[in-house]
Amino acid sequence: MSTLKKPIVTEKATGLNEKGQYVFEVERTANKVQIKKDIEQFYGVTVVGISTMRTNGKIKSKFTKGGSISGRRAHGKKAVVTVKEGDVIDFYNGI
């Protein structure tokens, strides 16, 4: 089973692509060794470094006729992956 959920394609994350860094949403229980193995296997690149961060879900409220409903978005984990100079991961063209 893959530890990768999806690539994160935001303006800030796309700006990191010029430096050879790519951002992925990963399983919350994944470690750096598993993430490195999956990225190298799936995208065929050499991973030089990985930084991970855990994110807490935002608290959201919704007001309805019957009262208010509050809840929380899901917690998550992100990985910023640095690949070897010259290697490129292309999210926009199919594999």
N, C-alpha and C. Protein backbone atom coordinates (compact mmCIF):
# COMPACT_ATOMS: atom_id res chain seq x y z
N MET A 1 0.84 -1.18 0.00
CA MET A 1 0.00 0.00 0.00
C MET A 1 0.89 1.24 0.00
N SER A 2 0.54 2.21 -0.81
CA SER A 2 1.33 3.43 -0.94
C SER A 2 1.06 4.39 0.21
N THR A 3 2.10 5.09 0.63
CA THR A 3 1.95 6.08 1.69
C THR A 3 1.56 7.44 1.10
N LEU A 4 1.66 7.59 -0.22
CA LEU A 4 1.35 8.86 -0.87
C LEU A 4 -0.16 8.96 -1.12
N LYS A 5 -0.75 10.09 -0.76
CA LYS A 5 -2.16 10.32 -1.05
C LYS A 5 -2.32 11.11 -2.35
N LYS A 6 -1.70 12.29 -2.40
CA LYS A 6 -1.78 13.12 -3.59
C LYS A 6 -0.71 14.20 -3.54
N PRO A 7 -0.32 14.72 -4.71
CA PRO A 7 0.58 15.86 -4.71
C PRO A 7 -0.20 17.13 -4.38
N ILE A 8 0.45 18.07 -3.74
CA ILE A 8 -0.18 19.34 -3.41
C ILE A 8 0.28 20.35 -4.46
N VAL A 9 -0.68 20.88 -5.21
CA VAL A 9 -0.39 21.79 -6.30
C VAL A 9 -1.03 23.15 -5.97
N THR A 10 -0.33 23.93 -5.15
CA THR A 10 -0.76 25.28 -4.83
C THR A 10 0.28 26.23 -5.38
N GLU A 11 0.02 27.52 -5.30
CA GLU A 11 0.97 28.49 -5.82
C GLU A 11 2.30 28.41 -5.08
N LYS A 12 2.23 28.28 -3.76
CA LYS A 12 3.45 28.20 -2.96
C LYS A 12 4.21 26.90 -3.24
N ALA A 13 3.50 25.78 -3.34
CA ALA A 13 4.15 24.49 -3.60
C ALA A 13 4.73 24.44 -5.00
N THR A 14 4.07 25.06 -5.98
CA THR A 14 4.58 25.08 -7.34
C THR A 14 5.84 25.93 -7.44
N GLY A 15 5.94 26.96 -6.61
CA GLY A 15 7.15 27.78 -6.58
C GLY A 15 8.37 27.00 -6.11
N LEU A 16 8.15 26.00 -5.27
CA LEU A 16 9.26 25.16 -4.79
C LEU A 16 9.80 24.24 -5.88
N ASN A 17 8.98 23.97 -6.92
CA ASN A 17 9.41 23.06 -7.98
C ASN A 17 10.68 23.55 -8.68
N GLU A 18 10.87 24.87 -8.73
CA GLU A 18 12.07 25.41 -9.37
C GLU A 18 13.33 25.05 -8.60
N LYS A 19 13.19 24.81 -7.29
CA LYS A 19 14.33 24.43 -6.45
C LYS A 19 14.52 22.92 -6.40
N GLY A 20 13.66 22.18 -7.11
CA GLY A 20 13.75 20.72 -7.08
C GLY A 20 13.03 20.12 -5.88
N GLN A 21 12.07 20.87 -5.31
CA GLN A 21 11.31 20.39 -4.16
C GLN A 21 9.84 20.23 -4.56
N TYR A 22 9.23 19.16 -4.06
CA TYR A 22 7.84 18.85 -4.38
C TYR A 22 7.11 18.52 -3.08
N VAL A 23 5.83 18.89 -3.01
CA VAL A 23 5.05 18.72 -1.79
C VAL A 23 3.98 17.66 -2.03
N PHE A 24 3.86 16.72 -1.10
CA PHE A 24 2.88 15.65 -1.18
C PHE A 24 2.09 15.56 0.11
N GLU A 25 0.82 15.18 0.00
CA GLU A 25 0.05 14.79 1.18
C GLU A 25 0.29 13.29 1.35
N VAL A 26 0.64 12.89 2.56
CA VAL A 26 0.99 11.49 2.83
C VAL A 26 0.15 10.95 3.98
N GLU A 27 0.19 9.65 4.17
CA GLU A 27 -0.50 9.03 5.30
C GLU A 27 0.08 9.56 6.60
N ARG A 28 -0.76 9.73 7.59
CA ARG A 28 -0.33 10.31 8.87
C ARG A 28 0.68 9.41 9.60
N THR A 29 0.64 8.11 9.34
CA THR A 29 1.54 7.17 10.02
C THR A 29 2.83 6.90 9.24
N ALA A 30 2.99 7.51 8.06
CA ALA A 30 4.15 7.23 7.21
C ALA A 30 5.40 7.88 7.78
N ASN A 31 6.54 7.18 7.62
CA ASN A 31 7.81 7.77 8.01
C ASN A 31 8.62 8.14 6.77
N LYS A 32 9.77 8.79 6.97
CA LYS A 32 10.54 9.31 5.85
C LYS A 32 11.09 8.20 4.95
N VAL A 33 11.44 7.08 5.53
CA VAL A 33 11.98 5.96 4.74
C VAL A 33 10.92 5.42 3.80
N GLN A 34 9.69 5.26 4.29
CA GLN A 34 8.59 4.77 3.45
C GLN A 34 8.25 5.77 2.35
N ILE A 35 8.23 7.04 2.69
CA ILE A 35 7.91 8.08 1.71
C ILE A 35 8.96 8.10 0.61
N LYS A 36 10.24 8.04 0.99
CA LYS A 36 11.33 8.04 0.01
C LYS A 36 11.22 6.85 -0.93
N LYS A 37 10.96 5.67 -0.39
CA LYS A 37 10.86 4.46 -1.21
C LYS A 37 9.71 4.58 -2.21
N ASP A 38 8.56 5.08 -1.76
CA ASP A 38 7.40 5.18 -2.63
C ASP A 38 7.60 6.21 -3.75
N ILE A 39 8.21 7.34 -3.43
CA ILE A 39 8.42 8.37 -4.45
C ILE A 39 9.44 7.90 -5.49
N GLU A 40 10.53 7.29 -5.03
CA GLU A 40 11.52 6.79 -5.98
C GLU A 40 10.95 5.70 -6.88
N GLN A 41 10.10 4.85 -6.32
CA GLN A 41 9.50 3.77 -7.10
C GLN A 41 8.44 4.29 -8.06
N PHE A 42 7.59 5.21 -7.62
CA PHE A 42 6.46 5.66 -8.42
C PHE A 42 6.88 6.65 -9.50
N TYR A 43 7.77 7.60 -9.17
CA TYR A 43 8.14 8.65 -10.11
C TYR A 43 9.49 8.43 -10.78
N GLY A 44 10.29 7.47 -10.32
CA GLY A 44 11.56 7.16 -10.96
C GLY A 44 12.61 8.26 -10.80
N VAL A 45 12.63 8.91 -9.65
CA VAL A 45 13.61 9.96 -9.37
C VAL A 45 14.44 9.56 -8.16
N THR A 46 15.54 10.27 -7.91
CA THR A 46 16.38 10.03 -6.74
C THR A 46 16.07 11.09 -5.69
N VAL A 47 15.65 10.66 -4.51
CA VAL A 47 15.30 11.58 -3.43
C VAL A 47 16.55 11.89 -2.61
N VAL A 48 16.81 13.19 -2.41
CA VAL A 48 17.97 13.63 -1.65
C VAL A 48 17.59 13.93 -0.21
N GLY A 49 16.41 14.52 0.02
CA GLY A 49 15.99 14.87 1.37
C GLY A 49 14.49 14.96 1.50
N ILE A 50 14.00 14.79 2.73
CA ILE A 50 12.56 14.86 3.00
C ILE A 50 12.36 15.62 4.31
N SER A 51 11.40 16.55 4.29
CA SER A 51 10.94 17.21 5.51
C SER A 51 9.46 16.91 5.65
N THR A 52 9.04 16.52 6.84
CA THR A 52 7.63 16.22 7.05
C THR A 52 7.04 17.18 8.08
N MET A 53 5.73 17.38 7.99
CA MET A 53 5.02 18.19 8.97
C MET A 53 3.62 17.65 9.16
N ARG A 54 3.17 17.66 10.40
CA ARG A 54 1.81 17.22 10.71
C ARG A 54 0.93 18.44 10.82
N THR A 55 -0.27 18.36 10.26
CA THR A 55 -1.19 19.49 10.28
C THR A 55 -2.45 19.09 11.03
N ASN A 56 -2.96 20.03 11.82
CA ASN A 56 -4.21 19.80 12.53
C ASN A 56 -5.35 20.37 11.71
N GLY A 57 -6.48 19.67 11.71
CA GLY A 57 -7.64 20.13 10.97
C GLY A 57 -8.27 21.36 11.60
N LYS A 58 -8.78 22.24 10.74
CA LYS A 58 -9.42 23.46 11.23
C LYS A 58 -10.76 23.13 11.87
N ILE A 59 -11.14 23.92 12.86
CA ILE A 59 -12.47 23.80 13.46
C ILE A 59 -13.41 24.64 12.60
N LYS A 60 -14.50 24.05 12.16
CA LYS A 60 -15.45 24.73 11.30
C LYS A 60 -16.82 24.76 11.98
N SER A 61 -17.55 25.85 11.78
CA SER A 61 -18.89 25.98 12.33
C SER A 61 -19.86 26.30 11.21
N LYS A 62 -21.08 25.80 11.36
CA LYS A 62 -22.13 26.07 10.38
C LYS A 62 -23.40 26.41 11.15
N PHE A 63 -24.01 27.50 10.78
CA PHE A 63 -25.24 27.92 11.45
C PHE A 63 -26.43 27.58 10.57
N THR A 64 -27.40 26.90 11.16
CA THR A 64 -28.60 26.50 10.43
C THR A 64 -29.83 27.01 11.17
N LYS A 65 -31.01 26.74 10.61
CA LYS A 65 -32.26 27.15 11.27
C LYS A 65 -32.42 26.49 12.63
N GLY A 66 -32.02 25.26 12.73
CA GLY A 66 -32.18 24.51 13.97
C GLY A 66 -31.11 24.77 15.01
N GLY A 67 -30.12 25.58 14.71
CA GLY A 67 -29.03 25.84 15.63
C GLY A 67 -27.70 25.78 14.91
N SER A 68 -26.67 25.59 15.65
CA SER A 68 -25.35 25.56 15.03
C SER A 68 -24.78 24.14 15.06
N ILE A 69 -23.98 23.86 14.06
CA ILE A 69 -23.30 22.57 13.95
C ILE A 69 -21.82 22.89 13.89
N SER A 70 -21.04 22.25 14.72
CA SER A 70 -19.60 22.47 14.65
C SER A 70 -18.90 21.15 14.42
N GLY A 71 -17.76 21.23 13.78
CA GLY A 71 -16.99 20.03 13.49
C GLY A 71 -15.56 20.40 13.21
N ARG A 72 -14.82 19.44 12.73
CA ARG A 72 -13.41 19.65 12.47
C ARG A 72 -13.04 18.96 11.16
N ARG A 73 -12.18 19.62 10.38
CA ARG A 73 -11.63 18.98 9.20
C ARG A 73 -10.62 17.92 9.64
N ALA A 74 -10.28 17.04 8.73
CA ALA A 74 -9.38 15.94 9.07
C ALA A 74 -7.95 16.43 9.31
N HIS A 75 -7.25 15.77 10.22
CA HIS A 75 -5.83 16.02 10.43
C HIS A 75 -5.07 15.43 9.26
N GLY A 76 -3.84 15.85 9.04
CA GLY A 76 -3.08 15.33 7.91
C GLY A 76 -1.58 15.41 8.13
N LYS A 77 -0.85 15.05 7.09
CA LYS A 77 0.61 15.10 7.13
C LYS A 77 1.09 15.45 5.73
N LYS A 78 2.09 16.33 5.64
CA LYS A 78 2.67 16.73 4.38
C LYS A 78 4.14 16.38 4.36
N ALA A 79 4.67 16.15 3.17
CA ALA A 79 6.09 15.89 3.01
C ALA A 79 6.63 16.78 1.90
N VAL A 80 7.71 17.50 2.19
CA VAL A 80 8.42 18.29 1.18
C VAL A 80 9.63 17.46 0.77
N VAL A 81 9.64 17.05 -0.49
CA VAL A 81 10.65 16.13 -0.99
C VAL A 81 11.61 16.87 -1.92
N THR A 82 12.91 16.75 -1.65
CA THR A 82 13.94 17.33 -2.50
C THR A 82 14.53 16.21 -3.35
N VAL A 83 14.52 16.42 -4.68
CA VAL A 83 15.06 15.40 -5.58
C VAL A 83 16.43 15.85 -6.09
N LYS A 84 17.17 14.88 -6.65
CA LYS A 84 18.51 15.14 -7.17
C LYS A 84 18.44 16.17 -8.29
N GLU A 85 19.46 17.01 -8.37
CA GLU A 85 19.51 18.05 -9.41
C GLU A 85 19.43 17.40 -10.78
N GLY A 86 18.52 17.89 -11.60
CA GLY A 86 18.31 17.34 -12.93
C GLY A 86 17.08 16.44 -13.01
N ASP A 87 16.64 15.87 -11.90
CA ASP A 87 15.43 15.05 -11.88
C ASP A 87 14.21 15.96 -11.77
N VAL A 88 13.14 15.57 -12.45
CA VAL A 88 11.91 16.37 -12.46
C VAL A 88 10.71 15.44 -12.27
N ILE A 89 9.75 15.87 -11.45
CA ILE A 89 8.47 15.17 -11.33
C ILE A 89 7.45 16.03 -12.03
N ASP A 90 6.74 15.47 -13.01
CA ASP A 90 5.77 16.22 -13.78
C ASP A 90 4.36 15.76 -13.38
N PHE A 91 3.65 16.62 -12.65
CA PHE A 91 2.30 16.29 -12.19
C PHE A 91 1.25 16.50 -13.28
N TYR A 92 1.56 17.31 -14.27
CA TYR A 92 0.55 17.76 -15.23
C TYR A 92 0.37 16.82 -16.41
N ASN A 93 1.39 16.07 -16.78
CA ASN A 93 1.26 15.09 -17.86
C ASN A 93 1.09 13.71 -17.27
N GLY A 94 0.28 12.89 -17.89
CA GLY A 94 0.01 11.56 -17.38
C GLY A 94 1.24 10.67 -17.37
N ILE A 95 1.19 9.67 -16.53
CA ILE A 95 2.32 8.74 -16.40
C ILE A 95 2.21 7.66 -17.45
